[in-house]
Amino acid sequence: MTSSPFLNEIRAGIRLRNYSIRTEKAYVGWAKRFIRFHGNTHPAEIHDAEVVDFLTHLAVNRHVSANTQNQALNALVFMYRHVIKHARGDITSTTRARQPKKLPVVLTRHEVSLLLTSLNGINRLFGSMLYGSGLRIKLMSSSLYTRQILRLVMAVSIFRMRCHVNTRARHRVFTGSMFFLPLS
């Protein structure tokens, strides 16, 4: 099956700009859908209102997600800007697909206490320190929080080294000063 010269032109424009193969497939797919939606009319002959109609159709009739609608919009903007070389006017007046509201998953105090009591030893210590310091598991993956956790671990390690066990009194005795390491 041979592809149309216009779609080959879109592919060439995408490859010229070193976009990924997935972007190429997605943008060409959106161009095909756009052309079919308008009865195989060449996109150079389609006006701004008809572009808005297509994007609104995606949100209202096809019930696509906001990210999918944005991808279609980006494909059309690329097609008009770099292939047809005709910038569209205001095509932002389209009905937008709704972004889902993301609610954080929060444990109740009872669930946290059950979780912490199921941990033992150093794991319980770190779990309590993480919970007490307000760090979230999702945020711990960022480099800033990783550095803060490493600081916390090092501080606990230094604290444990500076303590010694008084065997007669059966308790730990702190023998030095506590300090925190800089963030850098």
Protein backbone atom coordinates (compact mmCIF):
# COMPACT_ATOMS: atom_id res chain seq x y z
CA MET A 1 0.00 0.00 0.00
CA THR A 2 1.51 3.31 -1.02
CA SER A 3 1.22 6.31 1.21
CA SER A 4 0.10 9.72 0.04
CA PRO A 5 2.74 12.31 -0.86
CA PHE A 6 1.34 14.61 1.84
CA LEU A 7 1.83 11.99 4.59
CA ASN A 8 5.33 11.31 3.26
CA GLU A 9 5.97 15.04 3.55
CA ILE A 10 4.89 14.92 7.21
CA ARG A 11 7.20 11.94 7.82
CA ALA A 12 10.10 13.78 6.17
CA GLY A 13 9.48 16.87 8.32
CA ILE A 14 9.44 14.78 11.48
CA ARG A 15 12.59 12.87 10.54
CA LEU A 16 14.34 16.11 9.61
CA ARG A 17 13.79 17.31 13.18
CA ASN A 18 14.92 13.97 14.70
CA TYR A 19 11.63 13.17 16.40
CA SER A 20 11.18 9.61 17.62
CA ILE A 21 9.58 6.93 15.46
CA ARG A 22 6.64 6.77 17.89
CA THR A 23 6.02 10.48 17.49
CA GLU A 24 6.14 10.03 13.73
CA LYS A 25 3.57 7.23 13.83
CA ALA A 26 1.31 9.18 16.18
CA TYR A 27 1.45 12.43 14.19
CA VAL A 28 0.86 10.68 10.86
CA GLY A 29 -2.05 8.80 12.44
CA TRP A 30 -3.60 12.05 13.66
CA ALA A 31 -3.11 13.63 10.24
CA LYS A 32 -4.93 10.67 8.63
CA ARG A 33 -7.82 10.91 11.12
CA PHE A 34 -8.03 14.67 10.60
CA ILE A 35 -8.15 14.31 6.82
CA ARG A 36 -10.77 11.52 7.01
CA PHE A 37 -12.86 13.56 9.45
CA HIS A 38 -13.09 16.32 6.85
CA GLY A 39 -13.99 14.01 3.96
CA ASN A 40 -10.49 13.60 2.49
CA THR A 41 -10.05 17.35 2.08
CA HIS A 42 -6.43 18.52 1.92
CA PRO A 43 -5.49 20.23 5.23
CA ALA A 44 -4.35 23.38 3.40
CA GLU A 45 -7.98 23.97 2.42
CA ILE A 46 -9.33 23.51 5.95
CA HIS A 47 -10.05 26.63 8.04
CA ASP A 48 -9.47 27.28 11.75
CA ALA A 49 -13.09 26.61 12.70
CA GLU A 50 -12.89 23.14 11.15
CA VAL A 51 -9.71 22.38 13.13
CA VAL A 52 -11.57 23.40 16.29
CA ASP A 53 -14.49 21.17 15.21
CA PHE A 54 -12.16 18.16 14.96
CA LEU A 55 -10.60 18.75 18.37
CA THR A 56 -14.03 19.32 19.94
CA HIS A 57 -15.29 16.12 18.28
CA LEU A 58 -12.46 14.20 19.96
CA ALA A 59 -13.41 15.49 23.40
CA VAL A 60 -17.20 15.44 23.12
CA ASN A 61 -18.02 12.50 20.85
CA ARG A 62 -14.98 10.26 21.11
CA HIS A 63 -14.41 10.92 24.85
CA VAL A 64 -10.63 10.93 24.53
CA SER A 65 -8.43 11.85 27.46
CA ALA A 66 -6.91 15.30 27.80
CA ASN A 67 -3.45 13.95 26.92
CA THR A 68 -4.78 12.33 23.75
CA GLN A 69 -6.47 15.56 22.71
CA ASN A 70 -3.24 17.46 23.39
CA GLN A 71 -1.31 14.99 21.25
CA ALA A 72 -3.78 15.51 18.38
CA LEU A 73 -3.47 19.29 18.79
CA ASN A 74 0.34 19.08 18.74
CA ALA A 75 0.24 16.88 15.61
CA LEU A 76 -1.99 19.39 13.83
CA VAL A 77 0.13 22.35 14.92
CA PHE A 78 3.23 20.54 13.62
CA MET A 79 1.50 19.71 10.35
CA TYR A 80 0.39 23.29 9.74
CA ARG A 81 3.54 25.00 10.99
CA HIS A 82 6.26 22.79 9.48
CA VAL A 83 4.67 20.95 6.55
CA ILE A 84 2.04 23.30 5.14
CA LYS A 85 3.97 26.31 6.49
CA HIS A 86 0.78 28.14 7.36
CA ALA A 87 0.28 28.99 11.02
CA ARG A 88 -3.28 28.54 12.19
CA GLY A 89 -5.08 31.32 14.01
CA ASP A 90 -6.72 30.76 17.37
CA ILE A 91 -7.51 27.06 17.65
CA THR A 92 -7.46 27.08 21.45
CA SER A 93 -11.20 27.82 21.70
CA THR A 94 -11.96 24.13 21.39
CA THR A 95 -13.83 22.18 24.05
CA ARG A 96 -11.11 20.59 26.12
CA ALA A 97 -11.17 17.08 27.52
CA ARG A 98 -11.20 17.11 31.31
CA GLN A 99 -8.06 16.33 33.24
CA PRO A 100 -8.81 13.79 35.96
CA LYS A 101 -8.26 15.07 39.46
CA LYS A 102 -5.53 13.12 41.18
CA LEU A 103 -6.13 12.66 44.86
CA PRO A 104 -3.22 11.54 46.99
CA VAL A 105 -3.44 8.20 48.74
CA VAL A 106 -3.25 8.90 52.45
CA LEU A 107 -3.12 6.35 55.23
CA THR A 108 -5.14 6.86 58.39
CA ARG A 109 -3.35 7.16 61.72
CA HIS A 110 -4.47 3.64 62.59
CA GLU A 111 -3.09 2.26 59.31
CA VAL A 112 0.23 4.06 59.90
CA SER A 113 0.50 2.67 63.42
CA LEU A 114 -0.23 -0.85 62.13
CA LEU A 115 2.39 -0.42 59.45
CA LEU A 116 5.04 0.89 61.84
CA THR A 117 4.36 -1.80 64.45
CA SER A 118 4.81 -4.48 61.79
CA LEU A 119 8.39 -3.25 61.21
CA ASN A 120 11.30 -4.30 63.41
CA GLY A 121 14.68 -2.88 64.31
CA ILE A 122 16.34 -0.43 61.97
CA ASN A 123 13.45 -0.63 59.49
CA ARG A 124 11.07 0.56 62.19
CA LEU A 125 13.44 3.37 63.09
CA PHE A 126 13.71 4.55 59.48
CA GLY A 127 9.97 4.16 58.90
CA SER A 128 9.22 6.24 62.00
CA MET A 129 11.75 8.88 61.01
CA LEU A 130 10.38 9.11 57.47
CA TYR A 131 6.81 9.34 58.73
CA GLY A 132 7.73 11.84 61.44
CA SER A 133 9.66 14.05 59.03
CA GLY A 134 6.71 14.17 56.61
CA LEU A 135 8.46 12.59 53.63
CA ARG A 136 6.20 10.94 51.11
CA ILE A 137 7.19 7.73 49.38
CA LYS A 138 6.56 9.23 45.93
CA LEU A 139 8.72 12.27 46.71
CA MET A 140 11.56 10.16 48.07
CA SER A 141 12.58 9.24 44.52
CA SER A 142 13.68 12.80 43.71
CA SER A 143 17.32 13.67 44.25
CA LEU A 144 16.57 16.30 46.92
CA TYR A 145 14.67 13.84 49.09
CA THR A 146 17.25 11.14 48.42
CA ARG A 147 19.93 13.49 49.74
CA GLN A 148 17.78 14.30 52.78
CA ILE A 149 17.27 10.62 53.50
CA LEU A 150 20.99 9.98 53.17
CA ARG A 151 21.63 12.85 55.59
CA LEU A 152 19.13 11.32 57.98
CA VAL A 153 20.73 7.87 57.71
CA MET A 154 24.20 9.30 58.24
CA ALA A 155 23.01 11.34 61.22
CA VAL A 156 21.45 8.25 62.80
CA SER A 157 24.63 6.25 62.12
CA ILE A 158 26.81 8.94 63.69
CA PHE A 159 24.43 9.16 66.63
CA ARG A 160 24.61 5.37 67.11
CA MET A 161 28.43 5.45 66.93
CA ARG A 162 28.61 8.20 69.52
CA CYS A 163 26.40 6.28 71.90
CA HIS A 164 27.63 3.39 73.91
CA VAL A 165 25.74 0.85 75.92
CA ASN A 166 26.14 1.05 79.67
CA THR A 167 25.83 -2.62 80.49
CA ARG A 168 25.23 -2.07 84.18
CA ALA A 169 22.46 0.48 83.71
CA ARG A 170 21.19 -1.31 80.57
CA HIS A 171 20.61 1.86 78.61
CA ARG A 172 22.36 3.92 75.96
CA VAL A 173 24.38 6.91 77.03
CA PHE A 174 24.97 9.78 74.63
CA THR A 175 28.65 10.76 74.69
CA GLY A 176 28.91 13.53 72.10
CA SER A 177 27.21 16.31 70.25
CA MET A 178 24.69 15.77 67.45
CA PHE A 179 25.09 17.56 64.10
CA PHE A 180 23.60 17.43 60.62
CA LEU A 181 25.59 17.32 57.42
CA PRO A 182 25.10 20.03 54.76
CA LEU A 183 22.79 19.35 51.80
CA SER A 184 25.42 19.66 49.07
